[in-house]
Amino acid sequence: MGNTHANAEPRSGTTREFIVGLGRAFAGALIFSLPLLMTMEMWTLGLNVDPLRLALLLIVLIPLLVWLSYLGGLRQNTHIVDDVADALMAIAVAFCAALFVLWMFGLIGPGMSLREIVGKIALQLVPGSIGAMLAQNQLGGNDEWDQRAARQNYVGEIFLMMVGALFLVLNVAPTEEMAVIAYKMTVWKDVGLAVVSIALMHVVVYVVEFRGTEARHPAESFFSVFARFTVVGYAAVFVVSLYILWTFGRLEGLSLEQMLSICVVLSLPGAIGAALARLIL
């Protein structure tokens, strides 16, 4: 009997911790997805986006969330199976948050087709589930839980930059303004904007001494850090921008020059998101 009671307490504590984690996850999902939940272009995309591209985005989302869970998610996990479970839980929480908000706003209802309802909700699963997964890191109350220090490496740093870029890119990629800005840009302005974006990434992370600023190791030169983190990070941001624009069908009918221009424009907020992700996460 003594052993039974001894084993029951940790399970109870773990259950309570999980319930609290779900509450944080719901809050995180709302914080990250509300800007898009209240954006008209996202409502339209829910009906018009290619179902196969949307499905691919959701498939890509699962390993992204699993890795986020590994770095520090809803719970302290020791097995990859738990990380997969937490990734699916984050998607479920994001689904519930999006369903609730869109229904409250009157943006989904009985008179709509199933495809439109599913499309509107599915697009919100990306920012919402990322917010749900990051809620433990940003809203959690356990100061002793810092998995990042033990688990994060160079690949993890680039990955987190891509997550930060993805969040900001998603907020502006659906808008027509991105195409308008790109149309008004010249080739030299595109090059200049890319240089500015790269410079901003480096300055935000290494120069202006925000909280969480990265300290360069004495053995590393400026050019080594700049090439390995800032330049590679910007390349990752550019790929994220290109992929999201392709998913939303924003590249259809554009020339190569126009595609590169709109990707450069979108990579500006993406670069800032990537830099902030390195500081915050």
Protein backbone atom coordinates (compact mmCIF):
# COMPACT_ATOMS: atom_id res chain seq x y z
CA MET A 1 0.00 0.00 0.00
CA GLY A 2 2.90 2.33 0.90
CA ASN A 3 4.34 1.97 -2.59
CA THR A 4 0.93 2.61 -4.18
CA HIS A 5 0.52 5.93 -2.38
CA ALA A 6 4.10 6.88 -3.10
CA ASN A 7 3.53 6.38 -6.81
CA ALA A 8 0.15 8.16 -6.84
CA GLU A 9 1.48 11.56 -5.79
CA PRO A 10 3.79 12.10 -8.78
CA ARG A 11 1.00 11.07 -11.15
CA SER A 12 -1.32 13.63 -9.54
CA GLY A 13 1.32 16.33 -9.78
CA THR A 14 1.98 15.42 -13.40
CA THR A 15 -1.74 15.58 -14.22
CA ARG A 16 -2.08 19.02 -12.64
CA GLU A 17 1.02 20.23 -14.47
CA PHE A 18 -0.44 18.98 -17.75
CA ILE A 19 -3.78 20.75 -17.15
CA VAL A 20 -1.99 24.00 -16.32
CA GLY A 21 0.10 23.48 -19.45
CA LEU A 22 -3.06 23.15 -21.53
CA GLY A 23 -4.31 26.47 -20.16
CA ARG A 24 -1.03 28.12 -21.09
CA ALA A 25 -1.17 26.47 -24.50
CA PHE A 26 -4.65 27.87 -25.17
CA ALA A 27 -3.48 31.34 -24.16
CA GLY A 28 -0.41 31.00 -26.36
CA ALA A 29 -2.53 29.85 -29.30
CA LEU A 30 -4.75 32.93 -28.97
CA ILE A 31 -1.82 35.33 -28.63
CA PHE A 32 -0.07 34.00 -31.73
CA SER A 33 -3.12 33.48 -33.95
CA LEU A 34 -5.39 36.47 -33.16
CA PRO A 35 -3.72 38.81 -35.69
CA LEU A 36 -4.47 36.30 -38.44
CA LEU A 37 -7.88 35.34 -37.09
CA MET A 38 -8.88 38.99 -37.57
CA THR A 39 -7.36 39.39 -41.06
CA MET A 40 -9.73 39.37 -44.05
CA GLU A 41 -7.13 37.93 -46.44
CA MET A 42 -6.81 34.84 -44.26
CA TRP A 43 -10.57 34.29 -44.40
CA THR A 44 -10.44 34.44 -48.20
CA LEU A 45 -7.41 32.18 -48.39
CA GLY A 46 -9.27 29.59 -46.37
CA LEU A 47 -11.56 29.11 -49.36
CA ASN A 48 -9.09 29.63 -52.20
CA VAL A 49 -5.82 28.03 -51.08
CA ASP A 50 -4.86 24.83 -52.88
CA PRO A 51 -5.93 21.92 -50.62
CA LEU A 52 -2.78 19.93 -51.45
CA ARG A 53 -0.49 22.83 -50.56
CA LEU A 54 -2.44 23.41 -47.37
CA ALA A 55 -2.16 19.72 -46.49
CA LEU A 56 1.59 19.84 -47.13
CA LEU A 57 1.90 22.85 -44.82
CA LEU A 58 0.13 20.94 -42.06
CA ILE A 59 2.35 17.90 -42.65
CA VAL A 60 5.46 20.11 -42.35
CA LEU A 61 3.97 21.60 -39.18
CA ILE A 62 4.09 18.29 -37.27
CA PRO A 63 7.90 17.73 -37.28
CA LEU A 64 8.34 21.46 -36.60
CA LEU A 65 6.22 21.15 -33.46
CA VAL A 66 7.94 17.93 -32.42
CA TRP A 67 11.30 19.71 -32.51
CA LEU A 68 9.89 22.67 -30.61
CA SER A 69 8.59 20.25 -27.99
CA TYR A 70 12.04 18.68 -27.79
CA LEU A 71 13.61 22.08 -27.13
CA GLY A 72 10.98 22.94 -24.52
CA GLY A 73 7.27 22.38 -24.98
CA LEU A 74 4.19 21.63 -22.92
CA ARG A 75 5.90 19.18 -20.57
CA GLN A 76 9.31 17.86 -19.56
CA ASN A 77 9.59 14.93 -21.95
CA THR A 78 12.18 12.19 -22.08
CA HIS A 79 10.93 10.23 -25.12
CA ILE A 80 10.23 11.27 -28.70
CA VAL A 81 6.77 9.69 -28.45
CA ASP A 82 5.86 12.26 -25.79
CA ASP A 83 7.07 15.07 -28.05
CA VAL A 84 4.89 13.76 -30.88
CA ALA A 85 1.93 13.58 -28.49
CA ASP A 86 2.55 17.17 -27.38
CA ALA A 87 2.78 18.31 -31.02
CA LEU A 88 -0.62 16.77 -31.76
CA MET A 89 -1.98 18.27 -28.55
CA ALA A 90 -0.76 21.73 -29.61
CA ILE A 91 -2.55 21.32 -32.95
CA ALA A 92 -5.74 20.25 -31.14
CA VAL A 93 -5.55 23.28 -28.83
CA ALA A 94 -4.96 25.60 -31.80
CA PHE A 95 -7.94 24.03 -33.57
CA CYS A 96 -10.21 24.65 -30.58
CA ALA A 97 -8.97 28.24 -30.19
CA ALA A 98 -9.50 29.02 -33.89
CA LEU A 99 -12.90 27.35 -33.95
CA PHE A 100 -14.05 29.32 -30.91
CA VAL A 101 -12.82 32.72 -32.12
CA LEU A 102 -14.03 32.33 -35.71
CA TRP A 103 -17.43 31.18 -34.47
CA MET A 104 -17.66 34.08 -32.01
CA PHE A 105 -16.83 36.54 -34.80
CA GLY A 106 -19.50 34.97 -37.05
CA LEU A 107 -16.87 33.96 -39.61
CA ILE A 108 -17.89 30.31 -39.65
CA GLY A 109 -21.37 28.92 -39.29
CA PRO A 110 -23.88 26.31 -40.44
CA GLY A 111 -24.48 27.97 -43.82
CA MET A 112 -20.88 27.56 -44.99
CA SER A 113 -19.38 24.65 -46.89
CA LEU A 114 -17.22 22.18 -45.02
CA ARG A 115 -14.25 23.08 -47.24
CA GLU A 116 -14.47 26.77 -46.32
CA ILE A 117 -14.76 26.05 -42.60
CA VAL A 118 -11.89 23.56 -42.63
CA GLY A 119 -9.75 25.89 -44.76
CA LYS A 120 -10.23 28.86 -42.46
CA ILE A 121 -9.42 26.82 -39.37
CA ALA A 122 -6.53 24.91 -40.93
CA LEU A 123 -4.66 28.09 -41.85
CA GLN A 124 -4.80 29.18 -38.21
CA LEU A 125 -3.29 25.92 -36.98
CA VAL A 126 0.26 27.00 -37.88
CA PRO A 127 0.55 30.18 -35.76
CA GLY A 128 -1.84 28.82 -33.14
CA SER A 129 0.00 25.56 -32.56
CA ILE A 130 3.37 27.32 -32.51
CA GLY A 131 1.97 29.69 -29.89
CA ALA A 132 0.58 26.77 -27.91
CA MET A 133 3.94 25.02 -27.97
CA LEU A 134 5.94 28.12 -27.04
CA ALA A 135 3.58 29.06 -24.22
CA GLN A 136 5.51 26.92 -21.73
CA ASN A 137 8.75 28.71 -22.60
CA GLN A 138 7.29 32.22 -22.53
CA LEU A 139 4.39 31.96 -20.06
CA GLY A 140 5.58 29.13 -17.85
CA GLY A 141 6.28 29.73 -14.20
CA ASN A 142 9.09 27.23 -13.62
CA ASP A 143 12.38 29.11 -13.70
CA GLU A 144 14.39 25.92 -13.24
CA TRP A 145 13.15 24.39 -16.45
CA ASP A 146 15.56 25.51 -19.15
CA GLN A 147 15.84 22.73 -21.69
CA ARG A 148 17.31 25.03 -24.30
CA ALA A 149 20.71 25.26 -22.64
CA ALA A 150 21.06 21.49 -22.57
CA ARG A 151 19.55 20.61 -25.93
CA GLN A 152 20.09 23.45 -28.37
CA ASN A 153 22.94 23.41 -30.87
CA TYR A 154 23.80 25.18 -34.12
CA VAL A 155 21.05 23.44 -36.07
CA GLY A 156 18.64 24.24 -33.24
CA GLU A 157 19.57 27.94 -33.43
CA ILE A 158 18.85 28.05 -37.18
CA PHE A 159 15.63 26.14 -36.61
CA LEU A 160 14.40 28.64 -34.01
CA MET A 161 15.24 31.47 -36.40
CA MET A 162 13.04 29.79 -39.01
CA VAL A 163 10.21 29.50 -36.46
CA GLY A 164 10.47 33.21 -35.62
CA ALA A 165 10.53 34.08 -39.32
CA LEU A 166 7.54 31.85 -40.01
CA PHE A 167 5.41 33.63 -37.44
CA LEU A 168 5.99 37.15 -38.77
CA VAL A 169 5.92 36.02 -42.40
CA LEU A 170 2.52 34.41 -41.88
CA ASN A 171 1.14 37.70 -40.57
CA VAL A 172 1.95 39.66 -43.72
CA ALA A 173 2.26 37.10 -46.55
CA PRO A 174 -1.53 36.89 -47.17
CA THR A 175 -1.82 40.65 -47.76
CA GLU A 176 -1.81 42.32 -51.17
CA GLU A 177 0.56 44.97 -49.86
CA MET A 178 3.52 42.60 -50.22
CA ALA A 179 2.97 42.38 -53.97
CA VAL A 180 2.40 46.14 -54.25
CA ILE A 181 5.65 46.92 -52.43
CA ALA A 182 7.59 44.42 -54.53
CA TYR A 183 6.15 45.96 -57.71
CA LYS A 184 7.43 49.39 -56.70
CA MET A 185 10.93 48.12 -55.87
CA THR A 186 13.84 48.29 -58.32
CA VAL A 187 16.57 45.66 -58.56
CA TRP A 188 19.01 47.83 -56.64
CA LYS A 189 16.44 48.52 -53.95
CA ASP A 190 15.90 44.78 -53.65
CA VAL A 191 19.62 44.27 -53.16
CA GLY A 192 19.74 47.12 -50.66
CA LEU A 193 16.77 45.74 -48.73
CA ALA A 194 18.40 42.32 -48.51
CA VAL A 195 21.59 43.92 -47.16
CA VAL A 196 19.57 45.95 -44.65
CA SER A 197 17.69 42.84 -43.52
CA ILE A 198 20.93 40.93 -42.96
CA ALA A 199 22.43 43.88 -41.09
CA LEU A 200 19.34 44.18 -38.88
CA MET A 201 19.51 40.49 -38.01
CA HIS A 202 23.09 40.85 -36.84
CA VAL A 203 22.60 44.15 -35.02
CA VAL A 204 19.53 42.96 -33.10
CA VAL A 205 21.20 39.76 -31.92
CA TYR A 206 24.76 40.91 -31.28
CA VAL A 207 25.06 44.70 -31.07
CA VAL A 208 22.22 46.58 -29.37
CA GLU A 209 22.32 44.47 -26.20
CA PHE A 210 18.69 43.52 -25.85
CA ARG A 211 17.89 41.10 -23.07
CA GLY A 212 19.06 37.66 -24.22
CA THR A 213 21.72 39.12 -26.54
CA GLU A 214 24.13 36.48 -27.81
CA ALA A 215 27.72 36.79 -26.61
CA ARG A 216 30.33 35.97 -29.23
CA HIS A 217 32.84 33.36 -28.08
CA PRO A 218 36.35 34.86 -27.82
CA ALA A 219 37.70 32.18 -30.15
CA GLU A 220 35.20 33.10 -32.89
CA SER A 221 35.86 35.95 -35.27
CA PHE A 222 33.23 38.44 -36.36
CA PHE A 223 33.21 37.01 -39.88
CA SER A 224 32.75 33.45 -38.60
CA VAL A 225 29.71 34.39 -36.52
CA PHE A 226 28.34 36.62 -39.26
CA ALA A 227 28.62 33.90 -41.90
CA ARG A 228 27.48 30.94 -39.78
CA PHE A 229 24.52 32.57 -38.05
CA THR A 230 23.47 35.80 -39.76
CA VAL A 231 23.99 34.93 -43.43
CA VAL A 232 22.83 31.32 -43.06
CA GLY A 233 19.94 32.56 -40.94
CA TYR A 234 18.86 35.01 -43.64
CA ALA A 235 19.04 32.25 -46.23
CA ALA A 236 16.74 30.17 -44.01
CA VAL A 237 14.37 33.14 -43.68
CA PHE A 238 14.33 33.55 -47.47
CA VAL A 239 13.42 29.88 -47.93
CA VAL A 240 10.60 30.22 -45.38
CA SER A 241 9.27 33.29 -47.23
CA LEU A 242 9.44 31.51 -50.57
CA TYR A 243 7.63 28.45 -49.24
CA ILE A 244 4.82 30.42 -47.60
CA LEU A 245 4.28 32.55 -50.72
CA TRP A 246 4.13 29.36 -52.81
CA THR A 247 1.66 27.79 -50.37
CA PHE A 248 -0.64 30.80 -50.58
CA GLY A 249 -0.38 30.92 -54.38
CA ARG A 250 1.26 34.35 -54.35
CA LEU A 251 3.93 33.37 -56.90
CA GLU A 252 1.55 32.32 -59.68
CA GLY A 253 2.19 34.14 -62.94
CA LEU A 254 5.25 36.02 -61.67
CA SER A 255 8.61 36.20 -63.41
CA LEU A 256 11.73 35.05 -61.60
CA GLU A 257 12.72 38.66 -60.90
CA GLN A 258 9.28 39.41 -59.42
CA MET A 259 9.41 36.24 -57.29
CA LEU A 260 12.80 37.20 -55.88
CA SER A 261 11.61 40.75 -55.23
CA ILE A 262 8.53 39.74 -53.24
CA CYS A 263 10.60 37.20 -51.30
CA VAL A 264 13.12 39.90 -50.41
CA VAL A 265 10.30 42.19 -49.24
CA LEU A 266 8.73 39.43 -47.15
CA SER A 267 12.12 38.46 -45.72
CA LEU A 268 12.44 41.83 -43.99
CA PRO A 269 9.83 41.04 -41.31
CA GLY A 270 11.00 37.45 -41.45
CA ALA A 271 14.56 38.52 -40.59
CA ILE A 272 13.35 40.56 -37.64
CA GLY A 273 11.26 37.61 -36.44
CA ALA A 274 14.26 35.32 -36.75
CA ALA A 275 16.48 37.67 -34.77
CA LEU A 276 13.92 38.11 -32.01
CA ALA A 277 13.44 34.34 -31.83
CA ARG A 278 17.13 33.93 -30.97
CA LEU A 279 16.78 36.47 -28.18
CA ILE A 280 13.47 35.32 -26.74
CA LEU A 281 13.46 31.55 -27.18
